[in-house]
PDB file of N, CA and C in Angstrom:
ATOM      1  N   UNK A   1      59.506 -83.575  69.395  1.00  0.00           N
ATOM      2  CA  UNK A   1      59.756 -82.045  68.516  1.00  0.00           C
ATOM      3  C   UNK A   1      59.401 -81.013  69.617  1.00  0.00           C
ATOM      4  N   UNK A   2      59.964 -80.113  69.680  1.00  0.00           N
ATOM      5  CA  UNK A   2      59.263 -79.084  70.391  1.00  0.00           C
ATOM      6  C   UNK A   2      58.981 -78.055  69.377  1.00  0.00           C
ATOM      7  N   UNK A   3      57.982 -77.385  69.820  1.00  0.00           N
ATOM      8  CA  UNK A   3      57.133 -76.541  69.033  1.00  0.00           C
ATOM      9  C   UNK A   3      57.621 -75.304  69.389  1.00  0.00           C
ATOM     10  N   UNK A   4      58.047 -74.669  70.676  1.00  0.00           N
ATOM     11  CA  UNK A   4      58.170 -73.245  70.682  1.00  0.00           C
ATOM     12  C   UNK A   4      59.956 -73.262  71.142  1.00  0.00           C
ATOM     13  N   UNK A   5      60.197 -72.539  70.921  1.00  0.00           N
ATOM     14  CA  UNK A   5      61.552 -71.906  71.615  1.00  0.00           C
ATOM     15  C   UNK A   5      61.884 -71.751  73.184  1.00  0.00           C
ATOM     16  N   UNK A   6      62.808 -72.292  73.841  1.00  0.00           N
ATOM     17  CA  UNK A   6      63.148 -72.071  75.264  1.00  0.00           C
ATOM     18  C   UNK A   6      64.478 -71.008  75.090  1.00  0.00           C
ATOM     19  N   UNK A   7      64.609 -70.645  76.429  1.00  0.00           N
ATOM     20  CA  UNK A   7      65.634 -69.729  76.540  1.00  0.00           C
ATOM     21  C   UNK A   7      66.991 -70.541  77.446  1.00  0.00           C
ATOM     22  N   UNK A   8      67.963 -70.173  77.018  1.00  0.00           N
ATOM     23  CA  UNK A   8      69.380 -70.653  77.643  1.00  0.00           C
ATOM     24  C   UNK A   8      69.778 -69.870  78.764  1.00  0.00           C
ATOM     25  N   UNK A   9      70.099 -70.001  79.977  1.00  0.00           N
ATOM     26  CA  UNK A   9      70.170 -69.114  80.608  1.00  0.00           C
ATOM     27  C   UNK A   9      71.475 -69.167  81.630  1.00  0.00           C
ATOM     28  N   UNK A  10      71.959 -68.581  82.491  1.00  0.00           N
ATOM     29  CA  UNK A  10      73.027 -68.763  83.355  1.00  0.00           C
ATOM     30  C   UNK A  10      72.393 -67.760  84.419  1.00  0.00           C
ATOM     31  N   UNK A  11      73.303 -67.714  85.782  1.00  0.00           N
ATOM     32  CA  UNK A  11      72.995 -66.854  86.875  1.00  0.00           C
ATOM     33  C   UNK A  11      74.352 -66.565  87.564  1.00  0.00           C
ATOM     34  N   UNK A  12      74.128 -65.656  88.603  1.00  0.00           N
ATOM     35  CA  UNK A  12      75.396 -64.829  89.460  1.00  0.00           C
ATOM     36  C   UNK A  12      75.715 -66.359  90.187  1.00  0.00           C
ATOM     37  N   UNK A  13      76.771 -66.190  90.959  1.00  0.00           N
ATOM     38  CA  UNK A  13      77.460 -67.242  92.439  1.00  0.00           C
ATOM     39  C   UNK A  13      77.832 -66.260  93.197  1.00  0.00           C
ATOM     40  N   UNK A  14      77.249 -66.765  94.625  1.00  0.00           N
ATOM     41  CA  UNK A  14      78.158 -66.185  95.290  1.00  0.00           C
ATOM     42  C   UNK A  14      79.598 -66.064  95.380  1.00  0.00           C
ATOM     43  N   UNK A  15      80.309 -67.106  94.946  1.00  0.00           N
ATOM     44  CA  UNK A  15      81.812 -67.012  95.096  1.00  0.00           C
ATOM     45  C   UNK A  15      82.492 -66.031  93.812  1.00  0.00           C
ATOM     46  N   UNK A  16      82.209 -65.634  92.729  1.00  0.00           N
ATOM     47  CA  UNK A  16      82.392 -65.041  92.003  1.00  0.00           C
ATOM     48  C   UNK A  16      81.695 -63.293  91.499  1.00  0.00           C
ATOM     49  N   UNK A  17      82.508 -62.281  91.293  1.00  0.00           N
ATOM     50  CA  UNK A  17      81.438 -61.257  90.811  1.00  0.00           C
ATOM     51  C   UNK A  17      80.552 -60.993  89.812  1.00  0.00           C
ATOM     52  N   UNK A  18      79.300 -60.720  90.188  1.00  0.00           N
ATOM     53  CA  UNK A  18      78.369 -60.884  89.166  1.00  0.00           C
ATOM     54  C   UNK A  18      78.463 -60.443  87.799  1.00  0.00           C
ATOM     55  N   UNK A  19      79.834 -59.843  87.153  1.00  0.00           N
ATOM     56  CA  UNK A  19      79.804 -59.204  85.959  1.00  0.00           C
ATOM     57  C   UNK A  19      80.321 -60.235  85.136  1.00  0.00           C
ATOM     58  N   UNK A  20      81.175 -61.303  85.494  1.00  0.00           N
ATOM     59  CA  UNK A  20      81.915 -62.221  85.265  1.00  0.00           C
ATOM     60  C   UNK A  20      81.233 -63.317  84.540  1.00  0.00           C
ATOM     61  N   UNK A  21      79.658 -63.961  85.468  1.00  0.00           N
ATOM     62  CA  UNK A  21      79.106 -64.854  84.941  1.00  0.00           C
ATOM     63  C   UNK A  21      78.040 -64.339  83.773  1.00  0.00           C
ATOM     64  N   UNK A  22      78.079 -62.840  84.115  1.00  0.00           N
ATOM     65  CA  UNK A  22      76.983 -62.323  83.269  1.00  0.00           C
ATOM     66  C   UNK A  22      78.102 -62.178  81.492  1.00  0.00           C
ATOM     67  N   UNK A  23      78.563 -61.823  81.926  1.00  0.00           N
ATOM     68  CA  UNK A  23      80.065 -61.794  80.968  1.00  0.00           C
ATOM     69  C   UNK A  23      79.879 -63.181  79.838  1.00  0.00           C
ATOM     70  N   UNK A  24      80.310 -63.970  80.759  1.00  0.00           N
ATOM     71  CA  UNK A  24      80.137 -65.172  79.986  1.00  0.00           C
ATOM     72  C   UNK A  24      78.630 -65.684  79.153  1.00  0.00           C
ATOM     73  N   UNK A  25      77.892 -65.169  79.880  1.00  0.00           N
ATOM     74  CA  UNK A  25      76.629 -65.323  79.074  1.00  0.00           C
ATOM     75  C   UNK A  25      76.272 -64.575  77.860  1.00  0.00           C
ATOM     76  N   UNK A  26      76.831 -63.562  77.937  1.00  0.00           N
ATOM     77  CA  UNK A  26      77.059 -62.592  76.818  1.00  0.00           C
ATOM     78  C   UNK A  26      77.431 -63.241  75.986  1.00  0.00           C
ATOM     79  N   UNK A  27      78.836 -63.749  76.099  1.00  0.00           N
ATOM     80  CA  UNK A  27      80.074 -64.242  75.102  1.00  0.00           C
ATOM     81  C   UNK A  27      79.639 -65.567  74.567  1.00  0.00           C
ATOM     82  N   UNK A  28      78.693 -66.401  74.777  1.00  0.00           N
ATOM     83  CA  UNK A  28      78.604 -67.531  74.709  1.00  0.00           C
ATOM     84  C   UNK A  28      77.053 -67.502  73.861  1.00  0.00           C
ATOM     85  N   UNK A  29      76.197 -66.342  74.236  1.00  0.00           N
ATOM     86  CA  UNK A  29      74.883 -66.530  73.460  1.00  0.00           C
ATOM     87  C   UNK A  29      73.641 -67.088  73.758  1.00  0.00           C
ATOM     88  N   UNK A  30      74.037 -67.036  75.227  1.00  0.00           N
ATOM     89  CA  UNK A  30      72.395 -67.360  76.433  1.00  0.00           C
ATOM     90  C   UNK A  30      71.663 -66.220  75.850  1.00  0.00           C
ATOM     91  N   UNK A  31      70.289 -66.640  75.795  1.00  0.00           N
ATOM     92  CA  UNK A  31      69.147 -65.537  75.707  1.00  0.00           C
ATOM     93  C   UNK A  31      68.755 -65.349  77.462  1.00  0.00           C
ATOM     94  N   UNK A  32      68.831 -65.706  78.367  1.00  0.00           N
ATOM     95  CA  UNK A  32      68.647 -65.169  80.044  1.00  0.00           C
ATOM     96  C   UNK A  32      69.660 -65.260  80.919  1.00  0.00           C
ATOM     97  N   UNK A  33      69.642 -64.498  81.454  1.00  0.00           N
ATOM     98  CA  UNK A  33      70.645 -64.381  82.886  1.00  0.00           C
ATOM     99  C   UNK A  33      69.946 -63.826  84.004  1.00  0.00           C
ATOM    100  N   UNK A  34      69.897 -64.396  85.258  1.00  0.00           N
ATOM    101  CA  UNK A  34      69.587 -64.363  86.466  1.00  0.00           C
ATOM    102  C   UNK A  34      70.624 -63.504  87.521  1.00  0.00           C
ATOM    103  N   UNK A  35      69.989 -62.693  87.845  1.00  0.00           N
ATOM    104  CA  UNK A  35      70.996 -62.046  89.142  1.00  0.00           C
ATOM    105  C   UNK A  35      70.518 -62.482  90.174  1.00  0.00           C
ATOM    106  N   UNK A  36      71.432 -63.107  91.369  1.00  0.00           N
ATOM    107  CA  UNK A  36      70.966 -63.301  92.738  1.00  0.00           C
ATOM    108  C   UNK A  36      71.576 -62.415  93.484  1.00  0.00           C
ATOM    109  N   UNK A  37      71.278 -61.268  94.209  1.00  0.00           N
ATOM    110  CA  UNK A  37      72.116 -60.881  94.805  1.00  0.00           C
ATOM    111  C   UNK A  37      71.879 -61.534  96.022  1.00  0.00           C
ATOM    112  N   UNK A  38      72.532 -62.702  96.740  1.00  0.00           N
ATOM    113  CA  UNK A  38      72.454 -62.617  97.771  1.00  0.00           C
ATOM    114  C   UNK A  38      73.943 -63.120  98.720  1.00  0.00           C
ATOM    115  N   UNK A  39      73.905 -62.666  99.721  1.00  0.00           N
ATOM    116  CA  UNK A  39      75.358 -62.862 100.224  1.00  0.00           C
ATOM    117  C   UNK A  39      76.127 -64.155 100.345  1.00  0.00           C
ATOM    118  N   UNK A  40      75.205 -65.467  99.930  1.00  0.00           N
ATOM    119  CA  UNK A  40      75.508 -66.313 100.034  1.00  0.00           C
ATOM    120  C   UNK A  40      75.931 -66.927 101.531  1.00  0.00           C
ATOM    121  N   UNK A  41      76.566 -68.409 101.477  1.00  0.00           N
ATOM    122  CA  UNK A  41      77.193 -68.734 102.967  1.00  0.00           C
ATOM    123  C   UNK A  41      78.048 -67.690 103.477  1.00  0.00           C
ATOM    124  N   UNK A  42      77.464 -67.247 105.195  1.00  0.00           N
ATOM    125  CA  UNK A  42      78.536 -66.498 105.695  1.00  0.00           C
ATOM    126  C   UNK A  42      78.690 -65.109 104.985  1.00  0.00           C
ATOM    127  N   UNK A  43      77.266 -64.628 104.149  1.00  0.00           N
ATOM    128  CA  UNK A  43      77.716 -63.226 103.910  1.00  0.00           C
ATOM    129  C   UNK A  43      78.810 -63.080 103.089  1.00  0.00           C
ATOM    130  N   UNK A  44      79.659 -64.028 102.080  1.00  0.00           N
ATOM    131  CA  UNK A  44      80.741 -64.020 101.530  1.00  0.00           C
ATOM    132  C   UNK A  44      80.275 -63.413  99.539  1.00  0.00           C
ATOM    133  N   UNK A  45      79.382 -63.244  99.723  1.00  0.00           N
ATOM    134  CA  UNK A  45      79.144 -63.208  98.483  1.00  0.00           C
ATOM    135  C   UNK A  45      78.844 -61.697  97.950  1.00  0.00           C
ATOM    136  N   UNK A  46      78.084 -61.365  97.126  1.00  0.00           N
ATOM    137  CA  UNK A  46      77.461 -60.149  96.563  1.00  0.00           C
ATOM    138  C   UNK A  46      76.012 -59.660  97.081  1.00  0.00           C
ATOM    139  N   UNK A  47      75.519 -58.108  96.856  1.00  0.00           N
ATOM    140  CA  UNK A  47      74.742 -58.238  97.312  1.00  0.00           C
ATOM    141  C   UNK A  47      73.776 -56.492  96.256  1.00  0.00           C
ATOM    142  N   UNK A  48      72.407 -56.504  96.085  1.00  0.00           N
ATOM    143  CA  UNK A  48      72.492 -55.391  95.181  1.00  0.00           C
ATOM    144  C   UNK A  48      73.269 -54.087  94.957  1.00  0.00           C
ATOM    145  N   UNK A  49      73.739 -53.496  96.514  1.00  0.00           N
ATOM    146  CA  UNK A  49      74.536 -52.391  96.222  1.00  0.00           C
ATOM    147  C   UNK A  49      75.872 -52.607  95.858  1.00  0.00           C
ATOM    148  N   UNK A  50      75.948 -53.842  95.753  1.00  0.00           N
ATOM    149  CA  UNK A  50      77.692 -53.872  94.992  1.00  0.00           C
ATOM    150  C   UNK A  50      77.586 -53.810  93.583  1.00  0.00           C
ATOM    151  N   UNK A  51      76.080 -53.450  92.967  1.00  0.00           N
ATOM    152  CA  UNK A  51      76.277 -53.130  91.533  1.00  0.00           C
ATOM    153  C   UNK A  51      76.007 -51.748  91.572  1.00  0.00           C
ATOM    154  N   UNK A  52      76.886 -50.847  90.897  1.00  0.00           N
ATOM    155  CA  UNK A  52      76.616 -49.543  91.138  1.00  0.00           C
ATOM    156  C   UNK A  52      75.922 -49.225  89.643  1.00  0.00           C
ATOM    157  N   UNK A  53      75.624 -47.348  89.715  1.00  0.00           N
ATOM    158  CA  UNK A  53      75.080 -47.188  88.493  1.00  0.00           C
ATOM    159  C   UNK A  53      75.736 -47.422  86.991  1.00  0.00           C
ATOM    160  N   UNK A  54      76.896 -47.513  87.256  1.00  0.00           N
ATOM    161  CA  UNK A  54      77.942 -47.509  86.010  1.00  0.00           C
ATOM    162  C   UNK A  54      77.589 -49.167  85.696  1.00  0.00           C
ATOM    163  N   UNK A  55      77.431 -50.170  86.702  1.00  0.00           N
ATOM    164  CA  UNK A  55      77.752 -51.359  85.873  1.00  0.00           C
ATOM    165  C   UNK A  55      75.889 -51.638  85.624  1.00  0.00           C
ATOM    166  N   UNK A  56      74.970 -51.384  86.621  1.00  0.00           N
ATOM    167  CA  UNK A  56      73.682 -51.605  85.995  1.00  0.00           C
ATOM    168  C   UNK A  56      73.481 -50.835  84.803  1.00  0.00           C
ATOM    169  N   UNK A  57      73.818 -49.986  84.191  1.00  0.00           N
ATOM    170  CA  UNK A  57      73.868 -49.203  82.876  1.00  0.00           C
ATOM    171  C   UNK A  57      74.375 -50.017  81.834  1.00  0.00           C
ATOM    172  N   UNK A  58      75.432 -50.881  82.339  1.00  0.00           N
ATOM    173  CA  UNK A  58      75.957 -51.280  81.585  1.00  0.00           C
ATOM    174  C   UNK A  58      75.279 -52.791  81.302  1.00  0.00           C
ATOM    175  N   UNK A  59      74.770 -53.308  81.995  1.00  0.00           N
ATOM    176  CA  UNK A  59      74.028 -54.850  82.040  1.00  0.00           C
ATOM    177  C   UNK A  59      72.786 -54.398  81.553  1.00  0.00           C
ATOM    178  N   UNK A  60      71.822 -53.309  81.848  1.00  0.00           N
ATOM    179  CA  UNK A  60      70.923 -53.076  80.671  1.00  0.00           C
ATOM    180  C   UNK A  60      71.347 -53.122  79.206  1.00  0.00           C
ATOM    181  N   UNK A  61      71.877 -52.025  79.097  1.00  0.00           N
ATOM    182  CA  UNK A  61      72.254 -51.781  77.858  1.00  0.00           C
ATOM    183  C   UNK A  61      72.907 -53.154  76.545  1.00  0.00           C
ATOM    184  N   UNK A  62      73.567 -53.609  77.522  1.00  0.00           N
ATOM    185  CA  UNK A  62      74.295 -55.249  76.938  1.00  0.00           C
ATOM    186  C   UNK A  62      73.052 -56.208  76.897  1.00  0.00           C
ATOM    187  N   UNK A  63      71.980 -56.554  77.766  1.00  0.00           N
ATOM    188  CA  UNK A  63      71.359 -57.269  77.467  1.00  0.00           C
ATOM    189  C   UNK A  63      70.476 -56.876  76.434  1.00  0.00           C
ATOM    190  N   UNK A  64      69.948 -55.253  76.490  1.00  0.00           N
ATOM    191  CA  UNK A  64      68.926 -55.269  75.642  1.00  0.00           C
ATOM    192  C   UNK A  64      69.726 -55.447  74.398  1.00  0.00           C
ATOM    193  N   UNK A  65      71.010 -55.001  73.843  1.00  0.00           N
ATOM    194  CA  UNK A  65      71.928 -55.448  72.586  1.00  0.00           C
ATOM    195  C   UNK A  65      71.476 -56.855  71.901  1.00  0.00           C
ATOM    196  N   UNK A  66      71.929 -57.337  73.211  1.00  0.00           N
ATOM    197  CA  UNK A  66      72.009 -59.077  72.685  1.00  0.00           C
ATOM    198  C   UNK A  66      70.553 -59.467  72.812  1.00  0.00           C
ATOM    199  N   UNK A  67      69.727 -58.806  73.133  1.00  0.00           N
ATOM    200  CA  UNK A  67      67.959 -59.530  73.056  1.00  0.00           C
ATOM    201  C   UNK A  67      67.956 -60.611  74.330  1.00  0.00           C
ATOM    202  N   UNK A  68      68.612 -60.348  75.376  1.00  0.00           N
ATOM    203  CA  UNK A  68      68.840 -61.433  76.611  1.00  0.00           C
ATOM    204  C   UNK A  68      67.711 -60.822  77.691  1.00  0.00           C
ATOM    205  N   UNK A  69      66.983 -61.726  78.238  1.00  0.00           N
ATOM    206  CA  UNK A  69      66.005 -61.499  79.051  1.00  0.00           C
ATOM    207  C   UNK A  69      66.589 -61.786  80.285  1.00  0.00           C
ATOM    208  N   UNK A  70      66.141 -60.718  81.314  1.00  0.00           N
ATOM    209  CA  UNK A  70      66.896 -60.964  82.800  1.00  0.00           C
ATOM    210  C   UNK A  70      65.953 -61.049  83.856  1.00  0.00           C
ATOM    211  N   UNK A  71      66.413 -61.437  84.990  1.00  0.00           N
ATOM    212  CA  UNK A  71      65.306 -61.396  85.873  1.00  0.00           C
ATOM    213  C   UNK A  71      66.319 -61.220  87.564  1.00  0.00           C
ATOM    214  N   UNK A  72      65.619 -60.728  88.370  1.00  0.00           N
ATOM    215  CA  UNK A  72      66.277 -60.836  89.934  1.00  0.00           C
ATOM    216  C   UNK A  72      65.537 -61.970  90.475  1.00  0.00           C
ATOM    217  N   UNK A  73      66.592 -62.591  91.478  1.00  0.00           N
ATOM    218  CA  UNK A  73      66.223 -63.436  92.217  1.00  0.00           C
ATOM    219  C   UNK A  73      66.343 -62.592  94.276  1.00  0.00           C
ATOM    220  N   UNK A  74      64.929 -62.622  94.609  1.00  0.00           N
ATOM    221  CA  UNK A  74      65.106 -61.633  96.013  1.00  0.00           C
ATOM    222  C   UNK A  74      66.210 -62.575  96.796  1.00  0.00           C
ATOM    223  N   UNK A  75      67.032 -61.551  97.173  1.00  0.00           N
ATOM    224  CA  UNK A  75      67.713 -62.398  98.436  1.00  0.00           C
ATOM    225  C   UNK A  75      66.730 -63.382  99.222  1.00  0.00           C
ATOM    226  N   UNK A  76      67.523 -63.756 100.085  1.00  0.00           N
ATOM    227  CA  UNK A  76      66.918 -64.858 101.284  1.00  0.00           C
ATOM    228  C   UNK A  76      66.226 -64.360 102.371  1.00  0.00           C
ATOM    229  N   UNK A  77      67.297 -63.096 102.385  1.00  0.00           N
ATOM    230  CA  UNK A  77      66.416 -62.841 103.730  1.00  0.00           C
ATOM    231  C   UNK A  77      64.920 -61.554 103.265  1.00  0.00           C
ATOM    232  N   UNK A  78      64.688 -61.329 102.267  1.00  0.00           N
ATOM    233  CA  UNK A  78      63.636 -60.613 101.802  1.00  0.00           C
ATOM    234  C   UNK A  78      62.196 -61.045 102.510  1.00  0.00           C
ATOM    235  N   UNK A  79      61.948 -60.403 103.004  1.00  0.00           N
ATOM    236  CA  UNK A  79      60.627 -61.077 104.142  1.00  0.00           C
ATOM    237  C   UNK A  79      59.541 -59.139 104.330  1.00  0.00           C
ATOM    238  N   UNK A  80      58.363 -59.616 103.975  1.00  0.00           N
ATOM    239  CA  UNK A  80      57.971 -58.650 104.046  1.00  0.00           C
ATOM    240  C   UNK A  80      57.130 -58.221 105.627  1.00  0.00           C
ATOM    241  N   UNK A  81      57.807 -59.338 106.835  1.00  0.00           N
ATOM    242  CA  UNK A  81      57.275 -59.314 107.775  1.00  0.00           C
ATOM    243  C   UNK A  81      58.340 -58.345 108.994  1.00  0.00           C
ATOM    244  N   UNK A  82      59.141 -58.284 107.758  1.00  0.00           N
ATOM    245  CA  UNK A  82      60.143 -57.228 108.823  1.00  0.00           C
ATOM    246  C   UNK A  82      60.578 -56.132 108.162  1.00  0.00           C
ATOM    247  N   UNK A  83      61.157 -55.141 109.525  1.00  0.00           N
ATOM    248  CA  UNK A  83      61.580 -54.042 108.301  1.00  0.00           C
ATOM    249  C   UNK A  83      62.816 -54.485 107.388  1.00  0.00           C
ATOM    250  N   UNK A  84      63.731 -54.726 108.070  1.00  0.00           N
ATOM    251  CA  UNK A  84      64.962 -55.284 106.996  1.00  0.00           C
ATOM    252  C   UNK A  84      64.659 -56.646 106.386  1.00  0.00           C
ATOM    253  N   UNK A  85      64.072 -56.934 106.198  1.00  0.00           N
ATOM    254  CA  UNK A  85      63.342 -57.698 104.664  1.00  0.00           C
ATOM    255  C   UNK A  85      62.653 -57.177 104.075  1.00  0.00           C
ATOM    256  N   UNK A  86      61.638 -55.981 104.499  1.00  0.00           N
ATOM    257  CA  UNK A  86      60.804 -55.322 103.506  1.00  0.00           C
ATOM    258  C   UNK A  86      61.865 -54.558 102.816  1.00  0.00           C
ATOM    259  N   UNK A  87      63.636 -54.232 103.397  1.00  0.00           N
ATOM    260  CA  UNK A  87      64.468 -53.135 102.854  1.00  0.00           C
ATOM    261  C   UNK A  87      65.099 -53.598 101.860  1.00  0.00           C
ATOM    262  N   UNK A  88      65.614 -55.329 102.234  1.00  0.00           N
ATOM    263  CA  UNK A  88      65.884 -56.276 101.403  1.00  0.00           C
ATOM    264  C   UNK A  88      65.359 -56.016 100.270  1.00  0.00           C
ATOM    265  N   UNK A  89      64.147 -56.438  99.886  1.00  0.00           N
ATOM    266  CA  UNK A  89      63.442 -56.876  99.233  1.00  0.00           C
ATOM    267  C   UNK A  89      62.978 -55.497  98.085  1.00  0.00           C
ATOM    268  N   UNK A  90      62.970 -54.582  98.764  1.00  0.00           N
ATOM    269  CA  UNK A  90      63.030 -52.689  98.148  1.00  0.00           C
ATOM    270  C   UNK A  90      64.158 -52.530  97.175  1.00  0.00           C
ATOM    271  N   UNK A  91      65.513 -52.905  97.873  1.00  0.00           N
ATOM    272  CA  UNK A  91      66.447 -53.169  97.347  1.00  0.00           C
ATOM    273  C   UNK A  91      66.584 -54.220  95.811  1.00  0.00           C
ATOM    274  N   UNK A  92      66.018 -55.337  96.191  1.00  0.00           N
ATOM    275  CA  UNK A  92      65.757 -56.061  95.028  1.00  0.00           C
ATOM    276  C   UNK A  92      65.049 -55.784  94.152  1.00  0.00           C
ATOM    277  N   UNK A  93      63.693 -54.815  94.484  1.00  0.00           N
ATOM    278  CA  UNK A  93      62.995 -54.285  93.205  1.00  0.00           C
ATOM    279  C   UNK A  93      64.037 -52.966  92.755  1.00  0.00           C
ATOM    280  N   UNK A  94      64.577 -52.468  93.224  1.00  0.00           N
ATOM    281  CA  UNK A  94      65.377 -51.221  92.443  1.00  0.00           C
ATOM    282  C   UNK A  94      66.202 -51.593  91.715  1.00  0.00           C
ATOM    283  N   UNK A  95      66.886 -52.844  91.866  1.00  0.00           N
ATOM    284  CA  UNK A  95      68.081 -53.518  90.906  1.00  0.00           C
ATOM    285  C   UNK A  95      67.557 -54.374  90.084  1.00  0.00           C
ATOM    286  N   UNK A  96      65.733 -54.975  90.109  1.00  0.00           N
ATOM    287  CA  UNK A  96      65.400 -55.350  88.814  1.00  0.00           C
ATOM    288  C   UNK A  96      64.894 -54.389  87.737  1.00  0.00           C
ATOM    289  N   UNK A  97      64.041 -52.800  88.403  1.00  0.00           N
ATOM    290  CA  UNK A  97      64.061 -52.106  87.558  1.00  0.00           C
ATOM    291  C   UNK A  97      65.150 -51.753  87.065  1.00  0.00           C
ATOM    292  N   UNK A  98      65.881 -51.160  87.481  1.00  0.00           N
ATOM    293  CA  UNK A  98      67.288 -50.233  87.062  1.00  0.00           C
ATOM    294  C   UNK A  98      67.968 -51.081  85.914  1.00  0.00           C
ATOM    295  N   UNK A  99      68.403 -52.685  86.106  1.00  0.00           N
ATOM    296  CA  UNK A  99      68.726 -53.753  85.012  1.00  0.00           C
ATOM    297  C   UNK A  99      67.686 -54.055  83.783  1.00  0.00           C
ATOM    298  N   UNK A 100      66.426 -53.413  83.760  1.00  0.00           N
ATOM    299  CA  UNK A 100      65.497 -54.049  83.149  1.00  0.00           C
ATOM    300  C   UNK A 100      64.854 -55.334  82.794  1.00  0.00           C
ATOM    301  N   UNK A 101      64.769 -56.188  84.259  1.00  0.00           N
ATOM    302  CA  UNK A 101      64.692 -57.124  84.305  1.00  0.00           C
ATOM    303  C   UNK A 101      63.025 -57.321  84.382  1.00  0.00           C
ATOM    304  N   UNK A 102      62.677 -58.926  83.528  1.00  0.00           N
ATOM    305  CA  UNK A 102      61.485 -58.920  82.991  1.00  0.00           C
ATOM    306  C   UNK A 102      60.693 -59.631  84.244  1.00  0.00           C
ATOM    307  N   UNK A 103      61.569 -60.541  85.210  1.00  0.00           N
ATOM    308  CA  UNK A 103      60.864 -61.362  86.024  1.00  0.00           C
ATOM    309  C   UNK A 103      61.654 -60.616  87.394  1.00  0.00           C
ATOM    310  N   UNK A 104      61.200 -60.809  88.771  1.00  0.00           N
ATOM    311  CA  UNK A 104      61.713 -60.199  89.918  1.00  0.00           C
ATOM    312  C   UNK A 104      60.969 -61.608  90.761  1.00  0.00           C
ATOM    313  N   UNK A 105      61.639 -62.878  91.066  1.00  0.00           N
ATOM    314  CA  UNK A 105      61.177 -63.699  91.941  1.00  0.00           C
ATOM    315  C   UNK A 105      62.024 -64.146  93.525  1.00  0.00           C
TER     316      UNK A 105
END
């Protein structure tokens, strides 16, 4: 028997727009969702810059309304040792902040 509740979640995928799996998670009552703004193989996926202000506001409000915890997974190129890597990390930090994410991993 489990004494504590645990969250059931979903995450974005590089091969579909990020709002598609998020909407699926909301519609199916998931407790958590992770955004992974990485380009995927050959950079065919999505990045933090693909989610504009309206989408970010929608996600934040919808997650709050449904008591869904959000997290953002840093891109694979996030690296404090290079200017480009630091810029990628800062985009992910900004995304996490604007979405109201509880975790940036």
